C-alpha atoms as a PDB file:
ATOM      1  CA  UNK A   1      30.547  50.353 -31.049  1.00  0.00           C
ATOM      2  CA  UNK A   2      28.343  52.433 -33.068  1.00  0.00           C
ATOM      3  CA  UNK A   3      25.134  49.489 -32.949  1.00  0.00           C
ATOM      4  CA  UNK A   4      25.899  49.628 -28.566  1.00  0.00           C
ATOM      5  CA  UNK A   5      25.980  53.271 -28.426  1.00  0.00           C
ATOM      6  CA  UNK A   6      22.113  53.606 -30.256  1.00  0.00           C
ATOM      7  CA  UNK A   7      21.066  50.632 -28.320  1.00  0.00           C
ATOM      8  CA  UNK A   8      22.445  52.157 -24.548  1.00  0.00           C
ATOM      9  CA  UNK A   9      20.295  55.663 -25.768  1.00  0.00           C
ATOM     10  CA  UNK A  10      17.166  52.922 -26.410  1.00  0.00           C
ATOM     11  CA  UNK A  11      16.816  50.871 -23.323  1.00  0.00           C
ATOM     12  CA  UNK A  12      19.827  49.669 -20.717  1.00  0.00           C
ATOM     13  CA  UNK A  13      22.303  47.139 -22.114  1.00  0.00           C
ATOM     14  CA  UNK A  14      23.154  44.536 -19.656  1.00  0.00           C
ATOM     15  CA  UNK A  15      25.482  42.090 -21.948  1.00  0.00           C
ATOM     16  CA  UNK A  16      27.636  41.660 -25.084  1.00  0.00           C
ATOM     17  CA  UNK A  17      28.168  38.924 -26.626  1.00  0.00           C
ATOM     18  CA  UNK A  18      31.035  37.660 -28.754  1.00  0.00           C
ATOM     19  CA  UNK A  19      33.801  35.761 -28.912  1.00  0.00           C
ATOM     20  CA  UNK A  20      36.586  37.083 -27.062  1.00  0.00           C
ATOM     21  CA  UNK A  21      39.756  34.529 -26.368  1.00  0.00           C
ATOM     22  CA  UNK A  22      43.707  35.033 -25.946  1.00  0.00           C
ATOM     23  CA  UNK A  23      43.716  34.730 -29.899  1.00  0.00           C
ATOM     24  CA  UNK A  24      40.552  35.488 -31.385  1.00  0.00           C
ATOM     25  CA  UNK A  25      41.027  39.834 -30.068  1.00  0.00           C
ATOM     26  CA  UNK A  26      38.779  41.469 -32.144  1.00  0.00           C
ATOM     27  CA  UNK A  27      36.983  43.176 -29.167  1.00  0.00           C
ATOM     28  CA  UNK A  28      39.705  45.315 -28.880  1.00  0.00           C
ATOM     29  CA  UNK A  29      39.487  46.986 -31.282  1.00  0.00           C
ATOM     30  CA  UNK A  30      36.781  49.019 -29.961  1.00  0.00           C
ATOM     31  CA  UNK A  31      33.173  47.215 -28.670  1.00  0.00           C
ATOM     32  CA  UNK A  32      35.798  46.299 -24.794  1.00  0.00           C
ATOM     33  CA  UNK A  33      36.030  50.229 -24.618  1.00  0.00           C
ATOM     34  CA  UNK A  34      32.749  51.432 -25.492  1.00  0.00           C
ATOM     35  CA  UNK A  35      30.927  48.076 -22.948  1.00  0.00           C
ATOM     36  CA  UNK A  36      33.822  49.747 -20.454  1.00  0.00           C
ATOM     37  CA  UNK A  37      32.237  53.435 -20.896  1.00  0.00           C
ATOM     38  CA  UNK A  38      28.954  52.369 -20.909  1.00  0.00           C
ATOM     39  CA  UNK A  39      28.704  49.704 -18.128  1.00  0.00           C
ATOM     40  CA  UNK A  40      28.391  46.555 -19.991  1.00  0.00           C
ATOM     41  CA  UNK A  41      29.000  43.828 -19.065  1.00  0.00           C
ATOM     42  CA  UNK A  42      30.929  41.543 -22.095  1.00  0.00           C
ATOM     43  CA  UNK A  43      30.278  37.728 -22.342  1.00  0.00           C
ATOM     44  CA  UNK A  44      32.989  36.232 -23.517  1.00  0.00           C
ATOM     45  CA  UNK A  45      32.540  32.499 -25.744  1.00  0.00           C
ATOM     46  CA  UNK A  46      35.177  30.220 -26.983  1.00  0.00           C
ATOM     47  CA  UNK A  47      37.806  31.406 -23.772  1.00  0.00           C
ATOM     48  CA  UNK A  48      39.273  28.263 -25.227  1.00  0.00           C
ATOM     49  CA  UNK A  49      39.673  28.417 -28.672  1.00  0.00           C
ATOM     50  CA  UNK A  50      37.528  26.438 -29.823  1.00  0.00           C
ATOM     51  CA  UNK A  51      39.311  23.857 -27.589  1.00  0.00           C
ATOM     52  CA  UNK A  52      42.372  24.359 -29.686  1.00  0.00           C
ATOM     53  CA  UNK A  53      44.023  26.903 -26.982  1.00  0.00           C
ATOM     54  CA  UNK A  54      42.489  23.572 -24.400  1.00  0.00           C
ATOM     55  CA  UNK A  55      44.781  21.208 -26.072  1.00  0.00           C
ATOM     56  CA  UNK A  56      41.439  18.862 -27.092  1.00  0.00           C
ATOM     57  CA  UNK A  57      43.387  19.096 -31.170  1.00  0.00           C
ATOM     58  CA  UNK A  58      46.398  19.542 -32.737  1.00  0.00           C
ATOM     59  CA  UNK A  59      44.875  19.347 -36.335  1.00  0.00           C
ATOM     60  CA  UNK A  60      41.919  19.109 -38.426  1.00  0.00           C
ATOM     61  CA  UNK A  61      42.216  15.044 -38.029  1.00  0.00           C
ATOM     62  CA  UNK A  62      42.481  15.113 -34.572  1.00  0.00           C
ATOM     63  CA  UNK A  63      38.321  16.292 -35.430  1.00  0.00           C
ATOM     64  CA  UNK A  64      35.200  13.904 -36.262  1.00  0.00           C
ATOM     65  CA  UNK A  65      34.548  14.683 -40.629  1.00  0.00           C
ATOM     66  CA  UNK A  66      31.492  15.841 -39.263  1.00  0.00           C
ATOM     67  CA  UNK A  67      32.946  18.700 -36.749  1.00  0.00           C
ATOM     68  CA  UNK A  68      32.343  22.159 -37.568  1.00  0.00           C
ATOM     69  CA  UNK A  69      35.740  23.443 -37.118  1.00  0.00           C
ATOM     70  CA  UNK A  70      37.065  22.166 -39.729  1.00  0.00           C
ATOM     71  CA  UNK A  71      35.294  24.470 -42.132  1.00  0.00           C
ATOM     72  CA  UNK A  72      36.990  27.482 -40.301  1.00  0.00           C
ATOM     73  CA  UNK A  73      40.354  28.932 -41.623  1.00  0.00           C
ATOM     74  CA  UNK A  74      42.030  29.109 -38.224  1.00  0.00           C
ATOM     75  CA  UNK A  75      42.271  25.127 -37.964  1.00  0.00           C
ATOM     76  CA  UNK A  76      42.993  24.916 -41.864  1.00  0.00           C
ATOM     77  CA  UNK A  77      46.320  22.137 -42.171  1.00  0.00           C
ATOM     78  CA  UNK A  78      48.475  25.388 -43.223  1.00  0.00           C
ATOM     79  CA  UNK A  79      47.209  28.189 -40.631  1.00  0.00           C
ATOM     80  CA  UNK A  80      46.723  25.195 -37.838  1.00  0.00           C
ATOM     81  CA  UNK A  81      50.944  24.564 -38.509  1.00  0.00           C
ATOM     82  CA  UNK A  82      51.717  27.436 -37.528  1.00  0.00           C
ATOM     83  CA  UNK A  83      48.733  27.652 -34.653  1.00  0.00           C
ATOM     84  CA  UNK A  84      50.116  24.819 -33.087  1.00  0.00           C
ATOM     85  CA  UNK A  85      53.574  26.932 -31.368  1.00  0.00           C
ATOM     86  CA  UNK A  86      50.624  29.251 -29.354  1.00  0.00           C
ATOM     87  CA  UNK A  87      48.754  26.079 -27.845  1.00  0.00           C
ATOM     88  CA  UNK A  88      52.202  24.897 -27.281  1.00  0.00           C
ATOM     89  CA  UNK A  89      53.201  27.900 -25.732  1.00  0.00           C
ATOM     90  CA  UNK A  90      50.069  28.429 -23.132  1.00  0.00           C
ATOM     91  CA  UNK A  91      50.529  24.290 -22.487  1.00  0.00           C
ATOM     92  CA  UNK A  92      54.235  25.042 -21.360  1.00  0.00           C
ATOM     93  CA  UNK A  93      53.288  27.988 -19.546  1.00  0.00           C
ATOM     94  CA  UNK A  94      50.440  25.669 -17.977  1.00  0.00           C
ATOM     95  CA  UNK A  95      52.690  22.839 -17.040  1.00  0.00           C
ATOM     96  CA  UNK A  96      55.262  25.663 -15.827  1.00  0.00           C
ATOM     97  CA  UNK A  97      52.502  26.705 -13.250  1.00  0.00           C
ATOM     98  CA  UNK A  98      51.180  23.217 -12.685  1.00  0.00           C
ATOM     99  CA  UNK A  99      47.596  23.771 -14.101  1.00  0.00           C
ATOM    100  CA  UNK A 100      46.031  22.956 -17.459  1.00  0.00           C
ATOM    101  CA  UNK A 101      45.879  24.655 -20.767  1.00  0.00           C
ATOM    102  CA  UNK A 102      41.996  25.169 -20.096  1.00  0.00           C
ATOM    103  CA  UNK A 103      42.747  27.286 -17.349  1.00  0.00           C
ATOM    104  CA  UNK A 104      45.748  29.425 -19.059  1.00  0.00           C
ATOM    105  CA  UNK A 105      43.036  30.656 -21.988  1.00  0.00           C
ATOM    106  CA  UNK A 106      40.194  31.202 -18.982  1.00  0.00           C
ATOM    107  CA  UNK A 107      42.614  33.277 -17.020  1.00  0.00           C
ATOM    108  CA  UNK A 108      43.643  35.702 -19.404  1.00  0.00           C
ATOM    109  CA  UNK A 109      40.124  36.085 -20.128  1.00  0.00           C
ATOM    110  CA  UNK A 110      39.415  36.439 -17.059  1.00  0.00           C
ATOM    111  CA  UNK A 111      42.417  39.195 -16.265  1.00  0.00           C
ATOM    112  CA  UNK A 112      40.929  41.509 -18.747  1.00  0.00           C
ATOM    113  CA  UNK A 113      38.697  42.661 -16.681  1.00  0.00           C
ATOM    114  CA  UNK A 114      35.848  42.643 -13.946  1.00  0.00           C
ATOM    115  CA  UNK A 115      33.251  43.406 -16.654  1.00  0.00           C
ATOM    116  CA  UNK A 116      34.412  40.207 -18.654  1.00  0.00           C
ATOM    117  CA  UNK A 117      32.734  37.439 -18.284  1.00  0.00           C
ATOM    118  CA  UNK A 118      33.989  33.777 -19.821  1.00  0.00           C
ATOM    119  CA  UNK A 119      31.469  31.049 -21.172  1.00  0.00           C
ATOM    120  CA  UNK A 120      33.608  28.303 -21.851  1.00  0.00           C
ATOM    121  CA  UNK A 121      31.701  24.828 -23.007  1.00  0.00           C
ATOM    122  CA  UNK A 122      32.284  21.996 -20.970  1.00  0.00           C
ATOM    123  CA  UNK A 123      31.479  18.666 -22.407  1.00  0.00           C
ATOM    124  CA  UNK A 124      32.091  16.399 -19.216  1.00  0.00           C
ATOM    125  CA  UNK A 125      32.338  17.305 -15.419  1.00  0.00           C
ATOM    126  CA  UNK A 126      36.486  16.622 -15.194  1.00  0.00           C
ATOM    127  CA  UNK A 127      35.981  19.920 -18.325  1.00  0.00           C
ATOM    128  CA  UNK A 128      33.367  21.832 -15.387  1.00  0.00           C
ATOM    129  CA  UNK A 129      36.403  21.155 -12.359  1.00  0.00           C
ATOM    130  CA  UNK A 130      39.230  22.141 -14.669  1.00  0.00           C
ATOM    131  CA  UNK A 131      37.250  25.560 -15.933  1.00  0.00           C
ATOM    132  CA  UNK A 132      36.551  26.397 -12.625  1.00  0.00           C
ATOM    133  CA  UNK A 133      39.996  25.594 -11.172  1.00  0.00           C
ATOM    134  CA  UNK A 134      41.273  29.112 -13.303  1.00  0.00           C
ATOM    135  CA  UNK A 135      38.838  31.107 -10.592  1.00  0.00           C
ATOM    136  CA  UNK A 136      42.412  30.583  -8.675  1.00  0.00           C
ATOM    137  CA  UNK A 137      44.746  31.086 -11.266  1.00  0.00           C
ATOM    138  CA  UNK A 138      46.921  34.633 -10.617  1.00  0.00           C
ATOM    139  CA  UNK A 139      49.007  35.644 -13.797  1.00  0.00           C
ATOM    140  CA  UNK A 140      51.893  37.926 -13.454  1.00  0.00           C
ATOM    141  CA  UNK A 141      52.249  40.536 -15.566  1.00  0.00           C
ATOM    142  CA  UNK A 142      55.044  39.116 -17.242  1.00  0.00           C
ATOM    143  CA  UNK A 143      52.401  36.425 -17.696  1.00  0.00           C
ATOM    144  CA  UNK A 144      49.866  38.183 -19.475  1.00  0.00           C
ATOM    145  CA  UNK A 145      52.340  40.053 -21.433  1.00  0.00           C
ATOM    146  CA  UNK A 146      54.319  37.461 -22.900  1.00  0.00           C
ATOM    147  CA  UNK A 147      50.846  36.214 -24.294  1.00  0.00           C
ATOM    148  CA  UNK A 148      49.674  39.356 -25.332  1.00  0.00           C
ATOM    149  CA  UNK A 149      52.762  38.694 -27.245  1.00  0.00           C
ATOM    150  CA  UNK A 150      53.025  35.057 -28.489  1.00  0.00           C
ATOM    151  CA  UNK A 151      49.060  35.847 -30.740  1.00  0.00           C
ATOM    152  CA  UNK A 152      50.384  38.942 -32.392  1.00  0.00           C
ATOM    153  CA  UNK A 153      54.052  38.554 -33.421  1.00  0.00           C
ATOM    154  CA  UNK A 154      53.393  36.616 -35.163  1.00  0.00           C
ATOM    155  CA  UNK A 155      49.863  37.286 -35.103  1.00  0.00           C
ATOM    156  CA  UNK A 156      47.238  33.949 -35.288  1.00  0.00           C
ATOM    157  CA  UNK A 157      46.716  32.300 -38.899  1.00  0.00           C
ATOM    158  CA  UNK A 158      43.245  32.509 -40.350  1.00  0.00           C
ATOM    159  CA  UNK A 159      39.680  33.908 -40.199  1.00  0.00           C
ATOM    160  CA  UNK A 160      37.440  32.906 -37.363  1.00  0.00           C
ATOM    161  CA  UNK A 161      35.059  31.708 -39.518  1.00  0.00           C
ATOM    162  CA  UNK A 162      34.534  30.837 -43.560  1.00  0.00           C
ATOM    163  CA  UNK A 163      34.446  33.788 -45.804  1.00  0.00           C
ATOM    164  CA  UNK A 164      30.644  33.838 -45.882  1.00  0.00           C
ATOM    165  CA  UNK A 165      30.267  33.740 -41.955  1.00  0.00           C
ATOM    166  CA  UNK A 166      33.211  36.023 -42.053  1.00  0.00           C
ATOM    167  CA  UNK A 167      31.196  39.310 -43.782  1.00  0.00           C
ATOM    168  CA  UNK A 168      28.054  38.567 -42.284  1.00  0.00           C
ATOM    169  CA  UNK A 169      30.006  39.272 -38.481  1.00  0.00           C
ATOM    170  CA  UNK A 170      31.816  42.027 -39.905  1.00  0.00           C
ATOM    171  CA  UNK A 171      29.017  43.705 -40.929  1.00  0.00           C
END
């Protein structure tokens, strides 16, 4: 927050890019409010929780041997076993709403404010069409609250990155 304030004092800042998703809520601890106050957009990367919330994989065994997510604590076996309940709940809500889990995850980010711009990754045209479908999806207040509670009690387990990388982000 202080870095953003110092930067805005020197030059207009259009956007801050940060990981933000249903299960990575770090920007809610100050930077999101500062962005709103200063008129700065938040570009939210990994709104699909690196594919986990979209149901692209459920465990390390589903990932290629050289996949970078294998080193991320959030996807390690014990944490993934806990966190898969969150992905399952997103999938269940998607089933009830007649959409995909990816659309739920992106719609949640979009519902957090007009100045938050999700940038989901997509490897195929099908992913592109799926992601764009989130624009037509509306989540009710009750659904948004249920998703919020889902990731807070009990909370998501595991850091976003291995310890060395996480430490660099935190400073």
